[in-house]
Every structure is written in structure tokens, then in C-alpha cells.
N, C-alpha and C. Protein backbone atom coordinates (compact mmCIF):
# COMPACT_ATOMS: atom_id res chain seq x y z
N MET A 1 -4.68 3.95 16.11
CA MET A 1 -3.87 4.27 14.96
C MET A 1 -3.96 3.13 13.95
N PRO A 2 -4.21 3.43 12.67
CA PRO A 2 -4.34 2.37 11.67
C PRO A 2 -3.00 1.68 11.41
N ASP A 3 -3.08 0.43 11.02
CA ASP A 3 -1.89 -0.35 10.67
C ASP A 3 -1.30 0.23 9.39
N TRP A 4 0.02 0.40 9.34
CA TRP A 4 0.68 0.96 8.16
C TRP A 4 0.41 0.14 6.91
N ARG A 5 0.09 -1.15 7.06
CA ARG A 5 -0.18 -2.01 5.90
C ARG A 5 -1.48 -1.62 5.19
N GLU A 6 -2.36 -0.91 5.88
CA GLU A 6 -3.62 -0.50 5.26
C GLU A 6 -3.40 0.57 4.20
N ASP A 7 -2.31 1.30 4.28
CA ASP A 7 -1.96 2.32 3.29
C ASP A 7 -0.45 2.30 3.12
N ARG A 8 0.03 1.36 2.34
CA ARG A 8 1.47 1.16 2.20
C ARG A 8 2.17 2.37 1.60
N VAL A 9 1.55 3.00 0.59
CA VAL A 9 2.17 4.17 -0.04
C VAL A 9 2.15 5.36 0.91
N GLY A 10 0.99 5.65 1.48
CA GLY A 10 0.88 6.77 2.41
C GLY A 10 1.78 6.60 3.62
N SER A 11 1.87 5.39 4.14
CA SER A 11 2.74 5.17 5.29
C SER A 11 4.20 5.33 4.91
N ALA A 12 4.57 4.97 3.69
CA ALA A 12 5.95 5.20 3.23
C ALA A 12 6.20 6.69 3.11
N GLU A 13 5.26 7.43 2.55
CA GLU A 13 5.42 8.87 2.39
C GLU A 13 5.54 9.58 3.73
N HIS A 14 4.91 9.02 4.78
CA HIS A 14 4.96 9.62 6.11
C HIS A 14 6.04 9.02 7.01
N GLY A 15 6.88 8.15 6.43
CA GLY A 15 7.96 7.55 7.22
C GLY A 15 7.50 6.49 8.20
N GLU A 16 6.33 5.90 7.96
CA GLU A 16 5.78 4.92 8.90
C GLU A 16 5.78 3.49 8.37
N ASN A 17 6.17 3.29 7.11
CA ASN A 17 6.22 1.95 6.53
C ASN A 17 7.55 1.33 6.94
N LEU A 18 7.47 0.33 7.78
CA LEU A 18 8.65 -0.29 8.37
C LEU A 18 9.49 -1.09 7.37
N PHE A 19 8.95 -1.31 6.18
CA PHE A 19 9.64 -2.15 5.21
C PHE A 19 10.35 -1.37 4.12
N VAL A 20 10.35 -0.04 4.20
CA VAL A 20 11.02 0.77 3.19
C VAL A 20 12.52 0.52 3.23
N LEU A 21 13.07 0.25 2.06
CA LEU A 21 14.50 0.08 1.90
C LEU A 21 15.16 1.37 1.42
N GLN A 22 14.50 2.04 0.46
CA GLN A 22 15.11 3.20 -0.18
C GLN A 22 14.03 4.03 -0.87
N ARG A 23 14.16 5.34 -0.73
CA ARG A 23 13.34 6.26 -1.53
C ARG A 23 13.94 6.27 -2.93
N MET A 24 13.13 6.02 -3.92
CA MET A 24 13.56 6.03 -5.32
C MET A 24 12.95 7.27 -5.98
N ALA A 25 13.41 7.63 -7.15
CA ALA A 25 12.87 8.79 -7.85
C ALA A 25 11.37 8.63 -8.12
N SER A 26 10.93 7.39 -8.35
CA SER A 26 9.53 7.15 -8.70
C SER A 26 8.68 6.64 -7.54
N GLY A 27 9.27 6.41 -6.39
CA GLY A 27 8.50 5.87 -5.28
C GLY A 27 9.38 5.29 -4.20
N PHE A 28 8.96 4.16 -3.66
CA PHE A 28 9.67 3.53 -2.55
C PHE A 28 9.94 2.06 -2.85
N ALA A 29 11.18 1.64 -2.67
CA ALA A 29 11.52 0.22 -2.71
C ALA A 29 11.31 -0.32 -1.31
N VAL A 30 10.55 -1.40 -1.20
CA VAL A 30 10.29 -2.03 0.10
C VAL A 30 10.63 -3.51 0.03
N ILE A 31 11.07 -4.05 1.14
CA ILE A 31 11.28 -5.49 1.24
C ILE A 31 9.91 -6.13 1.38
N GLY A 32 9.73 -7.29 0.79
CA GLY A 32 8.43 -7.96 0.85
C GLY A 32 8.10 -8.44 2.25
N ASP A 33 6.82 -8.41 2.55
CA ASP A 33 6.34 -8.93 3.84
C ASP A 33 6.70 -10.40 3.99
N VAL A 34 6.69 -11.11 2.87
CA VAL A 34 7.03 -12.53 2.87
C VAL A 34 8.37 -12.72 2.18
N GLN A 35 9.09 -13.71 2.63
CA GLN A 35 10.42 -13.97 2.08
C GLN A 35 10.62 -15.44 1.77
N PHE A 36 9.56 -16.12 1.27
CA PHE A 36 9.76 -17.52 0.90
C PHE A 36 10.69 -17.62 -0.31
N LEU A 37 10.83 -16.52 -1.06
CA LEU A 37 11.90 -16.35 -2.04
C LEU A 37 12.73 -15.18 -1.53
N PRO A 38 13.83 -15.46 -0.83
CA PRO A 38 14.58 -14.41 -0.15
C PRO A 38 15.01 -13.28 -1.09
N GLY A 39 14.74 -12.06 -0.63
CA GLY A 39 15.07 -10.88 -1.40
C GLY A 39 13.89 -10.28 -2.15
N TYR A 40 12.73 -10.91 -2.05
CA TYR A 40 11.54 -10.38 -2.72
C TYR A 40 11.30 -8.94 -2.28
N CYS A 41 11.11 -8.07 -3.27
CA CYS A 41 10.88 -6.65 -3.02
C CYS A 41 9.70 -6.14 -3.84
N VAL A 42 9.23 -4.96 -3.48
CA VAL A 42 8.15 -4.30 -4.20
C VAL A 42 8.55 -2.84 -4.39
N LEU A 43 8.23 -2.30 -5.55
CA LEU A 43 8.41 -0.87 -5.80
C LEU A 43 7.03 -0.23 -5.79
N LEU A 44 6.80 0.69 -4.85
CA LEU A 44 5.53 1.39 -4.71
C LEU A 44 5.64 2.75 -5.39
N ALA A 45 4.75 3.04 -6.33
CA ALA A 45 4.77 4.34 -7.00
C ALA A 45 4.32 5.43 -6.03
N SER A 46 5.06 6.53 -6.03
CA SER A 46 4.71 7.68 -5.21
C SER A 46 5.10 8.93 -5.98
N PRO A 47 4.13 9.84 -6.21
CA PRO A 47 2.78 9.79 -5.68
C PRO A 47 1.98 8.63 -6.26
N ARG A 48 0.94 8.26 -5.54
CA ARG A 48 0.11 7.11 -5.86
C ARG A 48 -0.54 7.28 -7.24
N ARG A 49 -0.47 6.23 -8.02
CA ARG A 49 -1.14 6.13 -9.32
C ARG A 49 -1.84 4.79 -9.37
N ASN A 50 -2.83 4.69 -10.25
CA ASN A 50 -3.53 3.42 -10.39
C ASN A 50 -2.86 2.49 -11.40
N HIS A 51 -2.39 3.05 -12.50
CA HIS A 51 -1.87 2.23 -13.60
C HIS A 51 -0.55 2.82 -14.10
N LEU A 52 0.27 1.97 -14.68
CA LEU A 52 1.50 2.45 -15.29
C LEU A 52 1.19 3.51 -16.34
N THR A 53 0.12 3.32 -17.07
CA THR A 53 -0.24 4.26 -18.14
C THR A 53 -0.80 5.57 -17.61
N ASP A 54 -1.00 5.70 -16.31
CA ASP A 54 -1.40 6.99 -15.72
C ASP A 54 -0.20 7.93 -15.64
N LEU A 55 1.00 7.39 -15.75
CA LEU A 55 2.21 8.21 -15.66
C LEU A 55 2.53 8.81 -17.02
N PRO A 56 2.97 10.06 -17.06
CA PRO A 56 3.48 10.60 -18.32
C PRO A 56 4.73 9.80 -18.72
N PRO A 57 5.08 9.81 -20.00
CA PRO A 57 6.18 8.96 -20.48
C PRO A 57 7.48 9.07 -19.68
N SER A 58 7.91 10.25 -19.29
CA SER A 58 9.17 10.36 -18.55
C SER A 58 9.07 9.70 -17.18
N GLU A 59 7.94 9.83 -16.50
CA GLU A 59 7.76 9.19 -15.19
C GLU A 59 7.60 7.68 -15.35
N ARG A 60 6.99 7.27 -16.43
CA ARG A 60 6.84 5.84 -16.72
C ARG A 60 8.23 5.22 -16.91
N ARG A 61 9.08 5.88 -17.68
CA ARG A 61 10.45 5.38 -17.87
C ARG A 61 11.18 5.32 -16.54
N GLN A 62 11.00 6.33 -15.69
CA GLN A 62 11.67 6.35 -14.40
C GLN A 62 11.21 5.20 -13.52
N PHE A 63 9.90 4.93 -13.49
CA PHE A 63 9.38 3.84 -12.67
C PHE A 63 9.99 2.51 -13.13
N LEU A 64 10.01 2.29 -14.44
CA LEU A 64 10.55 1.04 -14.95
C LEU A 64 12.06 0.94 -14.72
N PHE A 65 12.76 2.07 -14.81
CA PHE A 65 14.20 2.08 -14.52
C PHE A 65 14.44 1.79 -13.04
N ASP A 66 13.65 2.43 -12.17
CA ASP A 66 13.79 2.17 -10.73
C ASP A 66 13.52 0.70 -10.42
N MET A 67 12.53 0.12 -11.10
CA MET A 67 12.24 -1.29 -10.92
C MET A 67 13.47 -2.12 -11.27
N SER A 68 14.17 -1.74 -12.34
CA SER A 68 15.37 -2.48 -12.74
C SER A 68 16.49 -2.30 -11.71
N LEU A 69 16.58 -1.13 -11.08
CA LEU A 69 17.59 -0.92 -10.04
C LEU A 69 17.34 -1.82 -8.83
N VAL A 70 16.08 -2.00 -8.47
CA VAL A 70 15.76 -2.91 -7.36
C VAL A 70 16.20 -4.32 -7.74
N GLY A 71 15.92 -4.73 -8.97
CA GLY A 71 16.37 -6.04 -9.43
C GLY A 71 17.87 -6.18 -9.41
N GLU A 72 18.57 -5.12 -9.80
CA GLU A 72 20.03 -5.16 -9.79
C GLU A 72 20.56 -5.29 -8.35
N ALA A 73 19.94 -4.60 -7.42
CA ALA A 73 20.34 -4.73 -6.02
C ALA A 73 20.14 -6.17 -5.53
N ILE A 74 19.02 -6.76 -5.89
CA ILE A 74 18.76 -8.16 -5.52
C ILE A 74 19.84 -9.06 -6.11
N GLU A 75 20.19 -8.83 -7.38
CA GLU A 75 21.24 -9.64 -8.01
C GLU A 75 22.55 -9.52 -7.23
N ARG A 76 22.92 -8.32 -6.84
CA ARG A 76 24.17 -8.12 -6.12
C ARG A 76 24.19 -8.86 -4.77
N VAL A 77 23.08 -8.78 -4.06
CA VAL A 77 23.03 -9.30 -2.69
C VAL A 77 22.83 -10.81 -2.64
N TYR A 78 22.09 -11.37 -3.59
CA TYR A 78 21.71 -12.79 -3.51
C TYR A 78 22.39 -13.68 -4.55
N ARG A 79 23.33 -13.14 -5.31
CA ARG A 79 23.95 -13.93 -6.39
C ARG A 79 24.66 -15.17 -5.86
N ASP A 80 25.17 -15.13 -4.65
CA ASP A 80 25.88 -16.29 -4.09
C ASP A 80 24.95 -17.25 -3.34
N ASP A 81 23.65 -16.98 -3.38
CA ASP A 81 22.67 -17.82 -2.68
C ASP A 81 21.88 -18.71 -3.64
N GLY A 82 22.41 -18.88 -4.84
CA GLY A 82 21.71 -19.70 -5.82
C GLY A 82 20.76 -18.91 -6.70
N LEU A 83 20.92 -17.59 -6.75
CA LEU A 83 20.06 -16.76 -7.60
C LEU A 83 20.23 -17.17 -9.06
N LEU A 84 19.13 -17.40 -9.72
CA LEU A 84 19.13 -17.79 -11.13
C LEU A 84 18.80 -16.59 -12.02
N ARG A 85 17.78 -15.83 -11.61
CA ARG A 85 17.33 -14.66 -12.36
C ARG A 85 16.41 -13.84 -11.49
N VAL A 86 15.95 -12.71 -12.01
CA VAL A 86 14.99 -11.87 -11.31
C VAL A 86 13.79 -11.69 -12.23
N ASN A 87 12.60 -11.90 -11.70
CA ASN A 87 11.35 -11.69 -12.44
C ASN A 87 10.71 -10.39 -11.99
N TYR A 88 10.10 -9.70 -12.95
CA TYR A 88 9.45 -8.41 -12.69
C TYR A 88 7.97 -8.54 -13.07
N GLU A 89 7.09 -8.11 -12.15
CA GLU A 89 5.65 -8.21 -12.41
C GLU A 89 4.94 -6.93 -11.97
N ILE A 90 4.07 -6.44 -12.83
CA ILE A 90 3.16 -5.36 -12.47
C ILE A 90 1.76 -5.92 -12.69
N GLN A 91 1.00 -6.06 -11.60
CA GLN A 91 -0.32 -6.67 -11.72
C GLN A 91 -1.43 -5.73 -11.28
N GLY A 92 -1.52 -5.45 -10.00
CA GLY A 92 -2.58 -4.59 -9.50
C GLY A 92 -3.93 -5.26 -9.36
N ASN A 93 -3.94 -6.58 -9.31
CA ASN A 93 -5.22 -7.29 -9.20
C ASN A 93 -5.82 -7.23 -7.80
N THR A 94 -4.99 -7.16 -6.79
CA THR A 94 -5.47 -7.11 -5.41
C THR A 94 -5.37 -5.70 -4.86
N ASP A 95 -4.20 -5.10 -4.97
CA ASP A 95 -3.98 -3.74 -4.49
C ASP A 95 -4.08 -2.80 -5.69
N ALA A 96 -5.09 -1.94 -5.67
CA ALA A 96 -5.39 -1.08 -6.82
C ALA A 96 -4.55 0.19 -6.81
N PHE A 97 -3.23 0.03 -6.81
CA PHE A 97 -2.31 1.14 -6.97
C PHE A 97 -1.08 0.58 -7.68
N LEU A 98 -0.39 1.43 -8.39
CA LEU A 98 0.76 0.99 -9.16
C LEU A 98 1.88 0.53 -8.24
N HIS A 99 2.28 -0.70 -8.44
CA HIS A 99 3.41 -1.27 -7.72
C HIS A 99 3.96 -2.42 -8.56
N ALA A 100 5.23 -2.66 -8.41
CA ALA A 100 5.90 -3.73 -9.15
C ALA A 100 6.49 -4.73 -8.17
N HIS A 101 6.26 -6.00 -8.44
CA HIS A 101 6.86 -7.08 -7.65
C HIS A 101 8.18 -7.46 -8.32
N ILE A 102 9.22 -7.55 -7.53
CA ILE A 102 10.53 -7.94 -8.04
C ILE A 102 10.91 -9.22 -7.30
N TRP A 103 10.83 -10.33 -8.04
CA TRP A 103 10.97 -11.67 -7.47
C TRP A 103 12.30 -12.30 -7.85
N PRO A 104 13.15 -12.60 -6.88
CA PRO A 104 14.32 -13.42 -7.18
C PRO A 104 13.87 -14.86 -7.42
N ARG A 105 14.53 -15.51 -8.37
CA ARG A 105 14.25 -16.92 -8.64
C ARG A 105 15.56 -17.68 -8.45
N TYR A 106 15.45 -18.87 -7.88
CA TYR A 106 16.62 -19.60 -7.41
C TYR A 106 16.75 -20.99 -8.05
N VAL A 107 17.98 -21.44 -8.12
CA VAL A 107 18.24 -22.79 -8.65
C VAL A 107 17.66 -23.85 -7.72
N TRP A 108 17.50 -23.55 -6.45
CA TRP A 108 17.01 -24.54 -5.49
C TRP A 108 15.48 -24.67 -5.49
N GLU A 109 14.77 -23.85 -6.24
CA GLU A 109 13.31 -24.01 -6.35
C GLU A 109 13.00 -25.29 -7.12
N ASP A 110 11.88 -25.94 -6.78
CA ASP A 110 11.44 -27.09 -7.55
C ASP A 110 11.25 -26.65 -9.01
N ASP A 111 11.66 -27.50 -9.95
CA ASP A 111 11.54 -27.17 -11.37
C ASP A 111 10.12 -26.76 -11.74
N ASP A 112 9.14 -27.49 -11.21
CA ASP A 112 7.74 -27.21 -11.54
C ASP A 112 7.34 -25.80 -11.11
N ARG A 113 7.88 -25.32 -10.03
CA ARG A 113 7.55 -23.97 -9.54
C ARG A 113 8.38 -22.91 -10.25
N ARG A 114 9.67 -23.18 -10.40
CA ARG A 114 10.58 -22.19 -10.98
C ARG A 114 10.17 -21.81 -12.40
N ARG A 115 9.56 -22.69 -13.12
CA ARG A 115 9.18 -22.43 -14.51
C ARG A 115 7.89 -21.63 -14.64
N LEU A 116 7.21 -21.41 -13.52
CA LEU A 116 5.91 -20.72 -13.53
C LEU A 116 6.03 -19.39 -12.78
N PRO A 117 5.06 -18.50 -12.97
CA PRO A 117 5.05 -17.26 -12.18
C PRO A 117 4.95 -17.56 -10.68
N VAL A 118 5.48 -16.68 -9.89
CA VAL A 118 5.46 -16.86 -8.43
C VAL A 118 4.02 -16.96 -7.93
N SER A 119 3.09 -16.32 -8.61
CA SER A 119 1.69 -16.37 -8.18
C SER A 119 1.14 -17.80 -8.18
N ARG A 120 1.83 -18.73 -8.80
CA ARG A 120 1.39 -20.12 -8.81
C ARG A 120 1.88 -20.90 -7.58
N TYR A 121 2.70 -20.26 -6.74
CA TYR A 121 3.07 -20.89 -5.47
C TYR A 121 1.80 -21.04 -4.63
N PRO A 122 1.74 -22.02 -3.75
CA PRO A 122 0.55 -22.20 -2.91
C PRO A 122 0.28 -20.95 -2.05
N LEU A 123 -0.99 -20.65 -1.85
CA LEU A 123 -1.37 -19.49 -1.05
C LEU A 123 -0.77 -19.54 0.35
N ALA A 124 -0.55 -20.73 0.85
CA ALA A 124 0.02 -20.88 2.20
C ALA A 124 1.39 -20.21 2.32
N CYS A 125 2.11 -20.08 1.22
CA CYS A 125 3.44 -19.44 1.28
C CYS A 125 3.33 -18.00 1.74
N TRP A 126 2.22 -17.34 1.41
CA TRP A 126 2.05 -15.94 1.78
C TRP A 126 1.64 -15.77 3.24
N SER A 127 1.04 -16.79 3.81
CA SER A 127 0.55 -16.66 5.19
C SER A 127 1.36 -17.49 6.20
N ASP A 128 2.23 -18.34 5.73
CA ASP A 128 3.05 -19.17 6.61
C ASP A 128 3.92 -18.28 7.50
N PRO A 129 3.80 -18.42 8.83
CA PRO A 129 4.63 -17.61 9.72
C PRO A 129 6.13 -17.74 9.42
N GLY A 130 6.57 -18.89 8.95
CA GLY A 130 7.97 -19.09 8.62
C GLY A 130 8.42 -18.32 7.39
N SER A 131 7.46 -17.84 6.59
CA SER A 131 7.78 -17.07 5.38
C SER A 131 7.78 -15.57 5.63
N GLN A 132 7.24 -15.15 6.75
CA GLN A 132 7.11 -13.72 7.02
C GLN A 132 8.49 -13.09 7.25
N HIS A 133 8.63 -11.85 6.79
CA HIS A 133 9.88 -11.14 7.02
C HIS A 133 10.13 -11.06 8.51
N ASP A 134 11.36 -11.36 8.89
CA ASP A 134 11.76 -11.34 10.28
C ASP A 134 13.18 -10.79 10.34
N ASP A 135 13.39 -9.76 11.12
CA ASP A 135 14.70 -9.12 11.15
C ASP A 135 15.80 -10.08 11.60
N ALA A 136 15.48 -10.98 12.51
CA ALA A 136 16.50 -11.93 12.97
C ALA A 136 16.99 -12.81 11.83
N ARG A 137 16.10 -13.20 10.93
CA ARG A 137 16.48 -14.07 9.81
C ARG A 137 16.88 -13.30 8.56
N HIS A 138 16.26 -12.15 8.33
CA HIS A 138 16.44 -11.44 7.06
C HIS A 138 17.13 -10.09 7.20
N GLY A 139 17.39 -9.65 8.41
CA GLY A 139 17.91 -8.30 8.63
C GLY A 139 19.26 -8.03 7.99
N ALA A 140 20.17 -8.99 8.05
CA ALA A 140 21.51 -8.76 7.49
C ALA A 140 21.43 -8.55 5.98
N LYS A 141 20.67 -9.38 5.30
CA LYS A 141 20.52 -9.23 3.85
C LYS A 141 19.73 -7.96 3.53
N ARG A 142 18.76 -7.63 4.36
CA ARG A 142 18.01 -6.40 4.14
C ARG A 142 18.95 -5.19 4.17
N ARG A 143 19.85 -5.17 5.13
CA ARG A 143 20.80 -4.05 5.21
C ARG A 143 21.72 -4.01 3.99
N LEU A 144 22.08 -5.17 3.47
CA LEU A 144 22.88 -5.21 2.24
C LEU A 144 22.07 -4.68 1.05
N LEU A 145 20.78 -5.02 1.01
CA LEU A 145 19.91 -4.48 -0.05
C LEU A 145 19.82 -2.96 0.04
N GLU A 146 19.65 -2.45 1.26
CA GLU A 146 19.58 -1.00 1.46
C GLU A 146 20.85 -0.33 0.95
N ALA A 147 22.00 -0.91 1.28
CA ALA A 147 23.28 -0.34 0.86
C ALA A 147 23.43 -0.39 -0.66
N ALA A 148 23.06 -1.52 -1.26
CA ALA A 148 23.16 -1.65 -2.71
C ALA A 148 22.23 -0.65 -3.41
N LEU A 149 21.03 -0.48 -2.89
CA LEU A 149 20.09 0.48 -3.48
C LEU A 149 20.60 1.91 -3.34
N ARG A 150 21.13 2.24 -2.17
CA ARG A 150 21.70 3.59 -1.99
C ARG A 150 22.77 3.85 -3.02
N GLU A 151 23.65 2.88 -3.21
CA GLU A 151 24.74 3.04 -4.17
C GLU A 151 24.19 3.17 -5.59
N LEU A 152 23.24 2.34 -5.96
CA LEU A 152 22.69 2.37 -7.32
C LEU A 152 21.94 3.68 -7.58
N VAL A 153 21.19 4.14 -6.59
CA VAL A 153 20.46 5.41 -6.76
C VAL A 153 21.45 6.56 -6.91
N THR A 154 22.48 6.58 -6.08
CA THR A 154 23.49 7.64 -6.15
C THR A 154 24.22 7.61 -7.49
N ASP A 155 24.60 6.42 -7.95
CA ASP A 155 25.35 6.29 -9.20
C ASP A 155 24.51 6.61 -10.43
N ASN A 156 23.20 6.57 -10.31
CA ASN A 156 22.33 6.76 -11.47
C ASN A 156 21.52 8.04 -11.41
N ARG A 157 21.96 9.02 -10.65
CA ARG A 157 21.27 10.31 -10.60
C ARG A 157 21.55 11.11 -11.83
């Protein structure tokens, strides 16, 4: 059986993506595989698209609105942990499907890093075993994110 990470969107659509937090109108909100910035999430477009501009205007607005809801959930859950702001990125340089990275930024980050995009963090942050999502360390906050997203999705239908 293939690893769900090989097809993140398809595995979410089939209920096999272990990192799904909430089904959104435009796709799936998932907790990031890495948590060196706690609360990092990704919004996966579903059905799968390659570019934001592949979506008709109404679906494009929905995707961007859903992205903002994920950011709002992060703000609610991590505001007391030194959250400074939330950054939103749509790149597609590595994974050729529409997805948005929603990055919490914290007061405790080094100034040199906090002022730059998260992509400027050392590559080791993405592969460090200590940065990987782990239910024992991140599960309680993950459940709070799930609850906040459920509430935001319900309130914004």
C-alpha cells in the first residue's frame, strides 16, 4: 500500500491522510508534518488544481477565505504562546498542486529569522526528528485547532 504522503490530496479525499484537521469548502486543512513553528498548517485544494488561477473566481475566493479561517484558528489556539502574526504562502515549487502554507510567527524566533520567509529557515528544520509532528507533543493543540476550525467553518457557512 502506498504511503499517504505520496498523494496528500487523494489520501485526504479517501480519509487516509492522518494529518487532516477539517474538511473545508475548498479542500482540506491539515496540520504540518513539521512543527518547528508550532501550529503550522497547510490548506490542500480539493478537487486537485495546479494553480490558484485554475479556479473560477468564486472558488478562488473560497480557497483564499478558507486559508484565512485556518489562520484565524491558529491565532485562537496559539495567541498565548507568543504568537506575533500569521504568514500565508502559496508557492507550488516542490509539490505541483494548489496548496497554501499557513505559518505562525512567534516573538521567540530569532530576529534574523522572523523577518524573513519561513523558507529561509535551515533545511535541517524540515528533517529534524525533533521538529516532526508527534501526537504526544502536539496532540492537545491539534485537537484545539480541530475544534476552532469546526467552529469557524460552522459559523461561516
